[in-house]
Amino acid sequence: MQSYEKYLAHEQRMLIALDGECQESRKFDRVYREFEAQKVCYLPVNAFLLKPSQRLMHYQLIITSQFMMPSPAYCLHHIAVKSAMSK
């Protein structure tokens, strides 16, 4: 978790620096765009840089939804009870 915290603490500064370098250096911008144009790079570089923070939010949603959803056993029990009551 500490590595995520360090990454998130510097994420915005890193993205701003990357954008600034693209604007200031034609050579860097050209190499950057050529890299993104390759088949190996299927997303913009910024998307890869944002993934760790998005992953944390996604994990939180998954965990929250798992705790909020009833278990499969509960669902089967609920269906059985409803079925028995309707007979």
Foldseek 3Di string as FASTA:
>chain_A
DVVLVVLVVCLVVVVVVLVVCLVPDVVSVVVQVVVCPDPVNVDRPNVVSCVSVVVVVVVVVVVVVVVVDDDPVVVVVVVVVVVVVVD
